[in-house]
Every structure is written in structure tokens, then in C-alpha cells.
Amino acid sequence: MATDSTTITLSELVRRATAIVDADGVDDAVTNFAVRHEDDDIPVRGVLDGLEERLAWGADEDPSVVMAQAVTLYLAHRLDEVEDDDDEILLLAARSEFDGKPPAPVEEWLTRNGIEL
């Protein structure tokens, strides 16, 4: 990860988000999400406008992918939190990106992963 948070690229941020969501790297849907953005080597600060649409393109409704998107969006606006605790980031991203009310499959995914809103 870049040491200067203002230069973190979208690909780096997606890698961090997918590592938080799928620490063991066994979820194929999350891996595919990361691969879709592996060449996005532009500073994330330069693509904040339209980032949600950019991340949603080609994504499915898999709860782990939805959370990877949410974590990416959350961290894109809070680059100073990129290295914070994974569970805390998941909790804060779910609260922020879903106004504390994630869709039922995402809420079930969070509960299975020990995150209570």
C-alpha cells in the first residue's frame, strides 16, 4: 500500500478491501471482483466522482462482493483508515454505505463473519 494515502490507487484499495472481506482468498466472486480492478492504477482520489458506478459495473449480487464494494467506497473517502482493524472497517463500511441497514443477504454475511451492526 502506498505510504502517502493521497496516492493510493484504486487497484490498491480494491486489493485491501478484498483482503478484508476474504482474508483467506477462497471466495471466487471476491477474487473476480479484484481481478476486474487490478489494472486501475489511478489515484483513487481522482475517481471519487463516479466511483460507485465504476465498482458496480460487472458486479453480481453476491454478498461478499457487495461488501467488498462497500469497503472500497468507504475507504476511498477515509484513506486515513486503510490500515485500521479489518472487523472495525467492515462494521463502519456496513453502517456508512447502507445507512446501517444492509440488504438481508449482506446482513447474514456480516453475521456469519462475526460483525454485528
Protein backbone atom coordinates (compact mmCIF):
# COMPACT_ATOMS: atom_id res chain seq x y z
CA MET A 1 0.00 0.00 0.00
CA ALA A 2 1.26 3.48 -0.79
CA THR A 3 2.75 5.31 2.19
CA ASP A 4 1.16 8.60 1.10
CA SER A 5 -2.59 7.99 1.39
CA THR A 6 -3.32 10.58 -1.29
CA THR A 7 -1.59 8.41 -3.89
CA ILE A 8 -3.34 5.12 -3.12
CA THR A 9 -4.57 3.71 -6.39
CA LEU A 10 -7.96 2.18 -6.97
CA SER A 11 -6.35 -1.20 -7.58
CA GLU A 12 -4.51 -1.00 -4.23
CA LEU A 13 -7.70 -0.02 -2.45
CA VAL A 14 -9.67 -2.86 -4.05
CA ARG A 15 -6.91 -5.29 -3.03
CA ARG A 16 -7.13 -4.03 0.56
CA ALA A 17 -10.94 -4.27 0.55
CA THR A 18 -10.92 -7.80 -0.85
CA ALA A 19 -8.31 -8.87 1.70
CA ILE A 20 -10.60 -7.58 4.45
CA VAL A 21 -13.67 -9.33 3.05
CA ASP A 22 -11.93 -12.56 2.06
CA ALA A 23 -8.82 -12.86 4.21
CA ASP A 24 -8.16 -16.44 3.11
CA GLY A 25 -8.60 -15.67 -0.59
CA VAL A 26 -11.02 -18.55 -1.14
CA ASP A 27 -14.09 -16.68 -2.39
CA ASP A 28 -14.06 -16.81 -6.20
CA ALA A 29 -16.57 -13.96 -6.52
CA VAL A 30 -14.36 -11.65 -4.45
CA THR A 31 -11.29 -12.75 -6.42
CA ASN A 32 -13.10 -11.93 -9.67
CA PHE A 33 -14.02 -8.50 -8.29
CA ALA A 34 -10.35 -7.84 -7.50
CA VAL A 35 -9.24 -9.02 -10.93
CA ARG A 36 -11.70 -6.62 -12.62
CA HIS A 37 -9.87 -3.72 -10.97
CA GLU A 38 -6.27 -4.96 -10.94
CA ASP A 39 -5.22 -2.53 -13.67
CA ASP A 40 -6.94 0.55 -12.20
CA ASP A 41 -3.64 2.22 -11.29
CA ILE A 42 -5.02 5.72 -10.93
CA PRO A 43 -5.13 7.55 -7.61
CA VAL A 44 -8.50 6.79 -6.04
CA ARG A 45 -8.85 10.48 -5.10
CA GLY A 46 -9.04 11.24 -8.81
CA VAL A 47 -12.04 8.98 -9.43
CA LEU A 48 -14.26 9.62 -6.40
CA ASP A 49 -16.96 11.07 -8.63
CA GLY A 50 -18.46 8.04 -10.31
CA LEU A 51 -16.60 5.50 -8.17
CA GLU A 52 -19.78 3.73 -7.08
CA GLU A 53 -20.80 3.15 -10.70
CA ARG A 54 -17.28 2.11 -11.66
CA LEU A 55 -17.21 -0.52 -8.90
CA ALA A 56 -20.72 -1.77 -9.66
CA TRP A 57 -20.00 -2.41 -13.34
CA GLY A 58 -19.99 -6.14 -13.97
CA ALA A 59 -20.56 -6.99 -10.31
CA ASP A 60 -23.03 -9.55 -9.11
CA GLU A 61 -25.24 -9.54 -6.05
CA ASP A 62 -23.01 -11.90 -4.08
CA PRO A 63 -22.99 -10.53 -0.50
CA SER A 64 -19.21 -10.80 -0.24
CA VAL A 65 -18.78 -8.76 -3.43
CA VAL A 66 -21.33 -6.22 -2.24
CA MET A 67 -19.30 -5.86 0.96
CA ALA A 68 -16.03 -5.58 -0.99
CA GLN A 69 -17.62 -2.75 -2.96
CA ALA A 70 -18.88 -1.12 0.26
CA VAL A 71 -15.47 -1.37 1.92
CA THR A 72 -13.78 0.09 -1.16
CA LEU A 73 -16.22 3.01 -1.25
CA TYR A 74 -15.93 3.58 2.48
CA LEU A 75 -12.13 3.59 2.46
CA ALA A 76 -11.95 5.75 -0.66
CA HIS A 77 -13.41 8.57 1.43
CA ARG A 78 -11.41 7.70 4.55
CA LEU A 79 -7.93 6.88 3.34
CA ASP A 80 -6.53 7.52 6.82
CA GLU A 81 -8.38 4.36 7.98
CA VAL A 82 -6.98 1.98 5.35
CA GLU A 83 -4.72 0.19 7.83
CA ASP A 84 -7.28 0.06 10.68
CA ASP A 85 -8.68 -3.18 12.13
CA ASP A 86 -10.43 -5.32 9.49
CA ASP A 87 -13.54 -6.03 11.58
CA GLU A 88 -13.88 -2.37 12.51
CA ILE A 89 -13.67 -1.41 8.82
CA LEU A 90 -16.36 -3.97 7.94
CA LEU A 91 -18.62 -2.61 10.65
CA LEU A 92 -18.09 1.02 9.72
CA ALA A 93 -18.45 0.34 5.99
CA ALA A 94 -21.75 -1.51 6.53
CA ARG A 95 -23.08 1.31 8.69
CA SER A 96 -21.94 4.01 6.30
CA GLU A 97 -22.65 2.54 2.90
CA PHE A 98 -26.03 1.00 3.78
CA ASP A 99 -27.16 3.61 6.32
CA GLY A 100 -26.94 0.88 8.94
CA LYS A 101 -29.49 -1.29 7.09
CA PRO A 102 -27.72 -3.60 4.64
CA PRO A 103 -29.75 -5.91 2.39
CA ALA A 104 -30.69 -9.18 4.12
CA PRO A 105 -28.06 -11.32 2.32
CA VAL A 106 -25.33 -8.84 3.29
CA GLU A 107 -26.56 -8.69 6.88
CA GLU A 108 -26.47 -12.51 7.00
CA TRP A 109 -22.94 -12.46 5.55
CA LEU A 110 -21.86 -9.94 8.21
CA THR A 111 -23.38 -12.06 10.98
CA ARG A 112 -21.65 -15.21 9.66
CA ASN A 113 -18.40 -13.27 9.79
CA GLY A 114 -18.91 -12.08 13.36
CA ILE A 115 -19.94 -8.49 12.55
CA GLU A 116 -23.00 -7.26 14.43
CA LEU A 117 -24.47 -3.91 13.44
